[in-house]
Amino acid sequence: MKNYKPWIFATIALLIVLNGIMLVILLRHQRGNRPPDMRGDAKAYLTKILDLDSKQAAEYDALVKQHFNFTRYLNEQNRQLRDSLFAGLKNPDTKPMKTTFIAAQIATNQMRIDTATYFHFKKLRSLLTDAQKQKFDGVIQKVLHMMAGPHPPGRPGNDP
């Protein structure tokens, strides 16, 4: 039995080292899938990538505040509408027409958010030089996907 103890110790040590190596590889891979300097802050990312001058940055900042206030209002309204929609589950007498009406209001608000986001970025693009517009056109889809947040595992858009 004494002859096996060094082998058991060596096997355990080897497994610990291999697990450590796998963790490092996984963390590097995960970090490698994120664009540089992008931690959920589209404004900072675009300001850096597009190399906005101080005037452009100030105008973009005003656009961001306006857009944020508008979309925050609509998102809050949607949260309240969803609460109302699902509160109907408690009442068996809830009319399908009411459910459809609330769902349509949610869809309308989401359409308004998406349209506002489109025009927000269209206004930003109008502030840019031709060289900046080329950079913008190259990163805008990536920025929009980042703004939407990460995809759950197994969903389209989650490339390994």
N, C-alpha and C. Protein backbone atom coordinates (compact mmCIF):
# COMPACT_ATOMS: atom_id res chain seq x y z
N MET A 1 0.82 -1.19 0.00
CA MET A 1 0.00 0.00 0.00
C MET A 1 0.87 1.25 0.00
N LYS A 2 2.04 1.18 0.61
CA LYS A 2 2.93 2.33 0.67
C LYS A 2 3.42 2.73 -0.71
N ASN A 3 3.52 1.82 -1.63
CA ASN A 3 3.99 2.12 -2.98
C ASN A 3 2.98 2.94 -3.77
N TYR A 4 1.71 2.88 -3.39
CA TYR A 4 0.67 3.60 -4.10
C TYR A 4 0.52 5.05 -3.66
N LYS A 5 0.95 5.37 -2.45
CA LYS A 5 0.76 6.72 -1.92
C LYS A 5 1.40 7.79 -2.80
N PRO A 6 2.63 7.64 -3.26
CA PRO A 6 3.20 8.69 -4.13
C PRO A 6 2.42 8.84 -5.44
N TRP A 7 1.91 7.70 -5.96
CA TRP A 7 1.15 7.76 -7.20
C TRP A 7 -0.20 8.46 -6.99
N ILE A 8 -0.82 8.20 -5.89
CA ILE A 8 -2.10 8.87 -5.58
C ILE A 8 -1.87 10.37 -5.43
N PHE A 9 -0.82 10.74 -4.69
CA PHE A 9 -0.49 12.15 -4.50
C PHE A 9 -0.18 12.82 -5.85
N ALA A 10 0.61 12.14 -6.69
CA ALA A 10 0.98 12.69 -8.00
C ALA A 10 -0.26 12.84 -8.89
N THR A 11 -1.17 11.88 -8.84
CA THR A 11 -2.38 11.94 -9.64
C THR A 11 -3.27 13.11 -9.21
N ILE A 12 -3.42 13.27 -7.90
CA ILE A 12 -4.23 14.39 -7.39
C ILE A 12 -3.59 15.72 -7.77
N ALA A 13 -2.28 15.82 -7.62
CA ALA A 13 -1.58 17.06 -7.98
C ALA A 13 -1.74 17.35 -9.46
N LEU A 14 -1.61 16.32 -10.31
CA LEU A 14 -1.77 16.49 -11.75
C LEU A 14 -3.19 16.96 -12.09
N LEU A 15 -4.20 16.39 -11.45
CA LEU A 15 -5.58 16.80 -11.70
C LEU A 15 -5.81 18.26 -11.28
N ILE A 16 -5.23 18.67 -10.17
CA ILE A 16 -5.36 20.06 -9.73
C ILE A 16 -4.71 21.00 -10.73
N VAL A 17 -3.53 20.66 -11.20
CA VAL A 17 -2.84 21.50 -12.18
C VAL A 17 -3.64 21.57 -13.49
N LEU A 18 -4.15 20.44 -13.96
CA LEU A 18 -4.93 20.43 -15.20
C LEU A 18 -6.21 21.26 -15.05
N ASN A 19 -6.87 21.18 -13.91
CA ASN A 19 -8.06 22.01 -13.68
C ASN A 19 -7.70 23.48 -13.70
N GLY A 20 -6.58 23.84 -13.10
CA GLY A 20 -6.13 25.23 -13.12
C GLY A 20 -5.87 25.72 -14.54
N ILE A 21 -5.22 24.89 -15.33
CA ILE A 21 -4.94 25.25 -16.72
C ILE A 21 -6.25 25.43 -17.50
N MET A 22 -7.20 24.53 -17.29
CA MET A 22 -8.49 24.64 -17.98
C MET A 22 -9.22 25.92 -17.59
N LEU A 23 -9.16 26.29 -16.32
CA LEU A 23 -9.80 27.54 -15.89
C LEU A 23 -9.17 28.74 -16.58
N VAL A 24 -7.85 28.76 -16.67
CA VAL A 24 -7.16 29.87 -17.33
C VAL A 24 -7.56 29.93 -18.80
N ILE A 25 -7.61 28.80 -19.46
CA ILE A 25 -7.99 28.76 -20.87
C ILE A 25 -9.43 29.26 -21.05
N LEU A 26 -10.34 28.81 -20.21
CA LEU A 26 -11.74 29.23 -20.32
C LEU A 26 -11.89 30.73 -20.07
N LEU A 27 -11.21 31.25 -19.07
CA LEU A 27 -11.31 32.68 -18.77
C LEU A 27 -10.72 33.52 -19.90
N ARG A 28 -9.62 33.09 -20.47
CA ARG A 28 -9.04 33.83 -21.60
C ARG A 28 -9.96 33.78 -22.80
N HIS A 29 -10.56 32.64 -23.06
CA HIS A 29 -11.48 32.52 -24.19
C HIS A 29 -12.69 33.43 -24.00
N GLN A 30 -13.22 33.43 -22.78
CA GLN A 30 -14.38 34.27 -22.49
C GLN A 30 -14.02 35.74 -22.64
N ARG A 31 -12.89 36.16 -22.14
CA ARG A 31 -12.45 37.55 -22.26
C ARG A 31 -12.15 37.89 -23.71
N GLY A 32 -11.66 36.93 -24.48
CA GLY A 32 -11.33 37.17 -25.89
C GLY A 32 -12.55 37.42 -26.75
N ASN A 33 -13.72 36.95 -26.33
CA ASN A 33 -14.94 37.16 -27.11
C ASN A 33 -15.55 38.53 -26.91
N ARG A 34 -15.03 39.28 -25.96
CA ARG A 34 -15.55 40.62 -25.67
C ARG A 34 -14.67 41.64 -26.38
N PRO A 35 -15.28 42.57 -27.10
CA PRO A 35 -14.47 43.60 -27.74
C PRO A 35 -13.69 44.40 -26.70
N PRO A 36 -12.53 44.93 -27.09
CA PRO A 36 -11.71 45.66 -26.14
C PRO A 36 -12.46 46.86 -25.55
N ASP A 37 -12.27 47.09 -24.29
CA ASP A 37 -12.82 48.24 -23.57
C ASP A 37 -14.34 48.31 -23.62
N MET A 38 -14.99 47.19 -23.87
CA MET A 38 -16.46 47.21 -23.92
C MET A 38 -16.99 46.40 -22.76
N ARG A 39 -17.51 47.08 -21.78
CA ARG A 39 -18.07 46.43 -20.62
C ARG A 39 -19.52 46.88 -20.45
N GLY A 40 -20.27 46.84 -21.52
CA GLY A 40 -21.68 47.22 -21.46
C GLY A 40 -21.92 48.71 -21.61
N ASP A 41 -20.87 49.49 -21.83
CA ASP A 41 -21.02 50.94 -21.95
C ASP A 41 -20.80 51.33 -23.40
N ALA A 42 -21.89 51.35 -24.16
CA ALA A 42 -21.81 51.65 -25.59
C ALA A 42 -21.28 53.06 -25.83
N LYS A 43 -21.66 53.98 -24.98
CA LYS A 43 -21.23 55.37 -25.15
C LYS A 43 -19.71 55.48 -25.07
N ALA A 44 -19.12 54.91 -24.03
CA ALA A 44 -17.66 54.97 -23.87
C ALA A 44 -16.96 54.24 -25.02
N TYR A 45 -17.50 53.10 -25.39
CA TYR A 45 -16.91 52.32 -26.48
C TYR A 45 -16.93 53.11 -27.79
N LEU A 46 -18.10 53.67 -28.14
CA LEU A 46 -18.20 54.42 -29.39
C LEU A 46 -17.35 55.69 -29.35
N THR A 47 -17.33 56.37 -28.22
CA THR A 47 -16.50 57.58 -28.10
C THR A 47 -15.04 57.25 -28.37
N LYS A 48 -14.59 56.12 -27.84
CA LYS A 48 -13.19 55.72 -28.03
C LYS A 48 -12.94 55.22 -29.46
N ILE A 49 -13.77 54.32 -29.92
CA ILE A 49 -13.58 53.73 -31.25
C ILE A 49 -13.65 54.79 -32.35
N LEU A 50 -14.60 55.72 -32.20
CA LEU A 50 -14.79 56.74 -33.23
C LEU A 50 -13.85 57.93 -33.04
N ASP A 51 -13.15 57.96 -31.92
CA ASP A 51 -12.22 59.05 -31.61
C ASP A 51 -12.92 60.41 -31.76
N LEU A 52 -14.03 60.55 -31.00
CA LEU A 52 -14.81 61.78 -31.07
C LEU A 52 -14.03 62.95 -30.49
N ASP A 53 -14.11 64.10 -31.16
CA ASP A 53 -13.48 65.30 -30.60
C ASP A 53 -14.39 65.83 -29.48
N SER A 54 -13.97 66.88 -28.80
CA SER A 54 -14.71 67.36 -27.63
C SER A 54 -16.11 67.87 -28.01
N LYS A 55 -16.22 68.52 -29.17
CA LYS A 55 -17.54 69.01 -29.59
C LYS A 55 -18.47 67.85 -29.92
N GLN A 56 -17.97 66.87 -30.65
CA GLN A 56 -18.77 65.70 -30.99
C GLN A 56 -19.17 64.94 -29.72
N ALA A 57 -18.23 64.81 -28.80
CA ALA A 57 -18.50 64.08 -27.56
C ALA A 57 -19.59 64.78 -26.75
N ALA A 58 -19.56 66.11 -26.71
CA ALA A 58 -20.58 66.86 -25.97
C ALA A 58 -21.95 66.69 -26.62
N GLU A 59 -22.00 66.75 -27.95
CA GLU A 59 -23.27 66.57 -28.65
C GLU A 59 -23.79 65.14 -28.48
N TYR A 60 -22.87 64.18 -28.53
CA TYR A 60 -23.26 62.78 -28.34
C TYR A 60 -23.77 62.57 -26.92
N ASP A 61 -23.13 63.20 -25.95
CA ASP A 61 -23.56 63.09 -24.56
C ASP A 61 -25.00 63.59 -24.41
N ALA A 62 -25.33 64.70 -25.04
CA ALA A 62 -26.69 65.23 -24.99
C ALA A 62 -27.68 64.25 -25.64
N LEU A 63 -27.28 63.66 -26.77
CA LEU A 63 -28.13 62.67 -27.43
C LEU A 63 -28.38 61.46 -26.53
N VAL A 64 -27.32 61.01 -25.86
CA VAL A 64 -27.43 59.84 -24.99
C VAL A 64 -28.40 60.12 -23.84
N LYS A 65 -28.27 61.29 -23.23
CA LYS A 65 -29.17 61.63 -22.11
C LYS A 65 -30.62 61.68 -22.56
N GLN A 66 -30.86 62.30 -23.70
CA GLN A 66 -32.22 62.40 -24.23
C GLN A 66 -32.76 61.00 -24.53
N HIS A 67 -31.97 60.18 -25.19
CA HIS A 67 -32.40 58.83 -25.55
C HIS A 67 -32.66 57.99 -24.29
N PHE A 68 -31.75 58.09 -23.33
CA PHE A 68 -31.89 57.32 -22.10
C PHE A 68 -33.18 57.68 -21.37
N ASN A 69 -33.46 58.97 -21.25
CA ASN A 69 -34.67 59.40 -20.54
C ASN A 69 -35.93 58.89 -21.23
N PHE A 70 -35.96 58.96 -22.55
CA PHE A 70 -37.13 58.50 -23.31
C PHE A 70 -37.31 56.99 -23.18
N THR A 71 -36.23 56.24 -23.38
CA THR A 71 -36.35 54.78 -23.33
C THR A 71 -36.59 54.28 -21.91
N ARG A 72 -36.05 54.99 -20.92
CA ARG A 72 -36.30 54.60 -19.53
C ARG A 72 -37.80 54.74 -19.23
N TYR A 73 -38.39 55.83 -19.69
CA TYR A 73 -39.84 56.06 -19.51
C TYR A 73 -40.64 54.92 -20.15
N LEU A 74 -40.31 54.57 -21.38
CA LEU A 74 -41.05 53.51 -22.08
C LEU A 74 -40.82 52.14 -21.43
N ASN A 75 -39.60 51.87 -21.00
CA ASN A 75 -39.32 50.59 -20.34
C ASN A 75 -40.07 50.48 -19.02
N GLU A 76 -40.16 51.57 -18.29
CA GLU A 76 -40.93 51.57 -17.04
C GLU A 76 -42.41 51.33 -17.34
N GLN A 77 -42.90 51.98 -18.38
CA GLN A 77 -44.30 51.78 -18.78
C GLN A 77 -44.53 50.32 -19.17
N ASN A 78 -43.58 49.72 -19.89
CA ASN A 78 -43.71 48.31 -20.27
C ASN A 78 -43.69 47.40 -19.05
N ARG A 79 -42.88 47.72 -18.07
CA ARG A 79 -42.83 46.91 -16.86
C ARG A 79 -44.20 46.93 -16.18
N GLN A 80 -44.80 48.11 -16.09
CA GLN A 80 -46.12 48.22 -15.48
C GLN A 80 -47.19 47.48 -16.30
N LEU A 81 -47.08 47.59 -17.61
CA LEU A 81 -48.02 46.88 -18.48
C LEU A 81 -47.88 45.36 -18.33
N ARG A 82 -46.65 44.87 -18.25
CA ARG A 82 -46.44 43.43 -18.06
C ARG A 82 -47.00 42.97 -16.71
N ASP A 83 -46.80 43.80 -15.69
CA ASP A 83 -47.37 43.46 -14.38
C ASP A 83 -48.88 43.34 -14.49
N SER A 84 -49.48 44.27 -15.19
CA SER A 84 -50.94 44.25 -15.37
C SER A 84 -51.37 43.04 -16.19
N LEU A 85 -50.61 42.74 -17.23
CA LEU A 85 -50.93 41.60 -18.09
C LEU A 85 -50.93 40.30 -17.28
N PHE A 86 -49.86 40.07 -16.54
CA PHE A 86 -49.73 38.81 -15.83
C PHE A 86 -50.56 38.76 -14.54
N ALA A 87 -50.99 39.92 -14.07
CA ALA A 87 -51.93 39.93 -12.95
C ALA A 87 -53.25 39.31 -13.38
N GLY A 88 -53.52 39.36 -14.67
CA GLY A 88 -54.73 38.74 -15.21
C GLY A 88 -54.77 37.23 -15.05
N LEU A 89 -53.62 36.63 -14.80
CA LEU A 89 -53.59 35.18 -14.58
C LEU A 89 -54.33 34.79 -13.30
N LYS A 90 -54.38 35.69 -12.35
CA LYS A 90 -55.04 35.42 -11.08
C LYS A 90 -56.56 35.45 -11.19
N ASN A 91 -57.05 36.08 -12.25
CA ASN A 91 -58.49 36.25 -12.42
C ASN A 91 -58.95 35.41 -13.62
N PRO A 92 -59.70 34.35 -13.37
CA PRO A 92 -60.14 33.51 -14.49
C PRO A 92 -61.13 34.21 -15.42
N ASP A 93 -61.68 35.34 -14.97
CA ASP A 93 -62.65 36.06 -15.79
C ASP A 93 -62.00 37.13 -16.68
N THR A 94 -60.67 37.18 -16.73
CA THR A 94 -60.00 38.18 -17.56
C THR A 94 -60.36 37.94 -19.02
N LYS A 95 -60.78 38.99 -19.67
CA LYS A 95 -61.21 38.91 -21.06
C LYS A 95 -59.99 38.84 -21.99
N PRO A 96 -60.06 37.99 -23.02
CA PRO A 96 -58.96 37.91 -23.98
C PRO A 96 -58.69 39.26 -24.66
N MET A 97 -59.74 40.04 -24.84
CA MET A 97 -59.58 41.35 -25.49
C MET A 97 -58.68 42.26 -24.64
N LYS A 98 -58.82 42.21 -23.34
CA LYS A 98 -57.99 43.03 -22.45
C LYS A 98 -56.53 42.57 -22.56
N THR A 99 -56.31 41.26 -22.56
CA THR A 99 -54.97 40.72 -22.69
C THR A 99 -54.34 41.16 -24.00
N THR A 100 -55.09 41.07 -25.08
CA THR A 100 -54.60 41.48 -26.40
C THR A 100 -54.29 42.98 -26.42
N PHE A 101 -55.13 43.77 -25.81
CA PHE A 101 -54.92 45.22 -25.77
C PHE A 101 -53.63 45.57 -25.02
N ILE A 102 -53.41 44.95 -23.87
CA ILE A 102 -52.19 45.22 -23.09
C ILE A 102 -50.96 44.77 -23.87
N ALA A 103 -51.04 43.59 -24.48
CA ALA A 103 -49.90 43.09 -25.27
C ALA A 103 -49.61 44.02 -26.44
N ALA A 104 -50.63 44.58 -27.05
CA ALA A 104 -50.43 45.52 -28.15
C ALA A 104 -49.77 46.80 -27.66
N GLN A 105 -50.13 47.25 -26.46
CA GLN A 105 -49.48 48.44 -25.90
C GLN A 105 -47.99 48.18 -25.65
N ILE A 106 -47.68 46.99 -25.15
CA ILE A 106 -46.28 46.62 -24.92
C ILE A 106 -45.53 46.61 -26.25
N ALA A 107 -46.13 46.01 -27.26
CA ALA A 107 -45.49 45.94 -28.58
C ALA A 107 -45.29 47.34 -29.16
N THR A 108 -46.26 48.21 -28.98
CA THR A 108 -46.14 49.58 -29.48
C THR A 108 -44.99 50.30 -28.78
N ASN A 109 -44.89 50.14 -27.47
CA ASN A 109 -43.79 50.77 -26.74
C ASN A 109 -42.44 50.23 -27.21
N GLN A 110 -42.37 48.92 -27.44
CA GLN A 110 -41.11 48.35 -27.90
C GLN A 110 -40.75 48.88 -29.28
N MET A 111 -41.75 49.04 -30.14
CA MET A 111 -41.52 49.63 -31.45
C MET A 111 -40.99 51.06 -31.31
N ARG A 112 -41.55 51.81 -30.37
CA ARG A 112 -41.11 53.19 -30.13
C ARG A 112 -39.67 53.21 -29.62
N ILE A 113 -39.31 52.26 -28.76
CA ILE A 113 -37.93 52.18 -28.25
C ILE A 113 -36.97 51.88 -29.41
N ASP A 114 -37.31 50.89 -30.23
CA ASP A 114 -36.44 50.53 -31.35
C ASP A 114 -36.31 51.67 -32.35
N THR A 115 -37.41 52.34 -32.63
CA THR A 115 -37.38 53.47 -33.56
C THR A 115 -36.55 54.62 -32.99
N ALA A 116 -36.72 54.88 -31.70
CA ALA A 116 -35.93 55.94 -31.05
C ALA A 116 -34.45 55.60 -31.08
N THR A 117 -34.12 54.33 -30.88
CA THR A 117 -32.71 53.90 -30.92
C THR A 117 -32.15 54.08 -32.33
N TYR A 118 -32.94 53.74 -33.32
CA TYR A 118 -32.51 53.93 -34.72
C TYR A 118 -32.19 55.41 -34.98
N PHE A 119 -33.12 56.29 -34.63
CA PHE A 119 -32.89 57.71 -34.89
C PHE A 119 -31.80 58.30 -34.00
N HIS A 120 -31.62 57.75 -32.82
CA HIS A 120 -30.53 58.16 -31.95
C HIS A 120 -29.18 57.93 -32.66
N PHE A 121 -29.01 56.73 -33.20
CA PHE A 121 -27.75 56.43 -33.87
C PHE A 121 -27.64 57.14 -35.22
N LYS A 122 -28.76 57.40 -35.85
CA LYS A 122 -28.74 58.17 -37.10
C LYS A 122 -28.25 59.60 -36.82
N LYS A 123 -28.70 60.20 -35.71
CA LYS A 123 -28.23 61.53 -35.32
C LYS A 123 -26.74 61.49 -34.98
N LEU A 124 -26.32 60.45 -34.26
CA LEU A 124 -24.88 60.34 -33.96
C LEU A 124 -24.09 60.26 -35.26
N ARG A 125 -24.54 59.44 -36.19
CA ARG A 125 -23.81 59.29 -37.46
C ARG A 125 -23.70 60.61 -38.20
N SER A 126 -24.72 61.45 -38.09
CA SER A 126 -24.69 62.75 -38.78
C SER A 126 -23.64 63.70 -38.20
N LEU A 127 -23.19 63.43 -36.98
CA LEU A 127 -22.15 64.25 -36.35
C LEU A 127 -20.73 63.87 -36.78
N LEU A 128 -20.61 62.74 -37.46
CA LEU A 128 -19.29 62.16 -37.73
C LEU A 128 -18.67 62.63 -39.04
N THR A 129 -17.35 62.55 -39.08
CA THR A 129 -16.62 62.78 -40.33
C THR A 129 -16.77 61.53 -41.19
N ASP A 130 -16.34 61.62 -42.45
CA ASP A 130 -16.46 60.46 -43.34
C ASP A 130 -15.66 59.27 -42.81
N ALA A 131 -14.46 59.52 -42.29
CA ALA A 131 -13.64 58.43 -41.75
C ALA A 131 -14.32 57.81 -40.53
N GLN A 132 -14.91 58.63 -39.68
CA GLN A 132 -15.61 58.12 -38.51
C GLN A 132 -16.86 57.33 -38.90
N LYS A 133 -17.52 57.78 -39.97
CA LYS A 133 -18.71 57.07 -40.45
C LYS A 133 -18.36 55.66 -40.87
N GLN A 134 -17.20 55.49 -41.51
CA GLN A 134 -16.77 54.14 -41.91
C GLN A 134 -16.56 53.26 -40.68
N LYS A 135 -15.92 53.81 -39.66
CA LYS A 135 -15.72 53.05 -38.41
C LYS A 135 -17.07 52.72 -37.78
N PHE A 136 -17.95 53.72 -37.74
CA PHE A 136 -19.28 53.55 -37.16
C PHE A 136 -20.02 52.42 -37.87
N ASP A 137 -20.01 52.46 -39.20
CA ASP A 137 -20.72 51.44 -39.99
C ASP A 137 -20.15 50.04 -39.71
N GLY A 138 -18.87 49.97 -39.39
CA GLY A 138 -18.25 48.68 -39.11
C GLY A 138 -18.56 48.12 -37.73
N VAL A 139 -18.95 48.97 -36.77
CA VAL A 139 -19.15 48.48 -35.39
C VAL A 139 -20.59 48.58 -34.89
N ILE A 140 -21.47 49.24 -35.62
CA ILE A 140 -22.80 49.52 -35.06
C ILE A 140 -23.59 48.24 -34.76
N GLN A 141 -23.52 47.24 -35.60
CA GLN A 141 -24.26 46.00 -35.33
C GLN A 141 -23.74 45.33 -34.06
N LYS A 142 -22.44 45.33 -33.89
CA LYS A 142 -21.83 44.75 -32.70
C LYS A 142 -22.27 45.53 -31.46
N VAL A 143 -22.31 46.85 -31.56
CA VAL A 143 -22.74 47.69 -30.44
C VAL A 143 -24.20 47.40 -30.09
N LEU A 144 -25.05 47.28 -31.08
CA LEU A 144 -26.47 46.98 -30.83
C LEU A 144 -26.64 45.63 -30.15
N HIS A 145 -25.86 44.64 -30.58
CA HIS A 145 -25.94 43.32 -29.95
C HIS A 145 -25.45 43.38 -28.51
N MET A 146 -24.43 44.17 -28.27
CA MET A 146 -23.92 44.32 -26.91
C MET A 146 -24.93 45.02 -26.02
N MET A 147 -25.59 46.02 -26.57
CA MET A 147 -26.60 46.75 -25.80
C MET A 147 -27.75 45.82 -25.41
N ALA A 148 -28.01 44.84 -26.26
CA ALA A 148 -29.09 43.90 -25.98
C ALA A 148 -28.70 42.92 -24.89
N GLY A 149 -27.41 42.81 -24.58
CA GLY A 149 -26.96 41.91 -23.53
C GLY A 149 -26.55 40.57 -24.10
N PRO A 150 -25.99 39.73 -23.24
CA PRO A 150 -25.52 38.43 -23.70
C PRO A 150 -26.68 37.50 -24.01
N HIS A 151 -26.45 36.61 -24.97
CA HIS A 151 -27.44 35.60 -25.29
C HIS A 151 -27.31 34.44 -24.32
N PRO A 152 -28.43 33.88 -23.90
CA PRO A 152 -28.35 32.69 -23.04
C PRO A 152 -27.71 31.55 -23.82
N PRO A 153 -27.06 30.61 -23.12
CA PRO A 153 -26.43 29.48 -23.82
C PRO A 153 -27.44 28.72 -24.67
N GLY A 154 -26.99 28.31 -25.84
CA GLY A 154 -27.84 27.53 -26.72
C GLY A 154 -28.74 28.33 -27.63
N ARG A 155 -28.67 29.66 -27.53
CA ARG A 155 -29.49 30.52 -28.40
C ARG A 155 -28.67 30.98 -29.58
N PRO A 156 -29.33 31.28 -30.71
CA PRO A 156 -28.59 31.81 -31.85
C PRO A 156 -27.86 33.09 -31.47
N GLY A 157 -26.67 33.25 -32.04
CA GLY A 157 -25.87 34.43 -31.74
C GLY A 157 -24.83 34.16 -30.68
N ASN A 158 -24.85 32.96 -30.12
CA ASN A 158 -23.85 32.57 -29.13
C ASN A 158 -22.86 31.65 -29.80
N ASP A 159 -21.90 32.20 -30.44
CA ASP A 159 -20.90 31.39 -31.12
C ASP A 159 -19.86 30.92 -30.11
N PRO A 160 -19.48 29.67 -30.16
CA PRO A 160 -18.47 29.17 -29.22
C PRO A 160 -17.11 29.76 -29.47
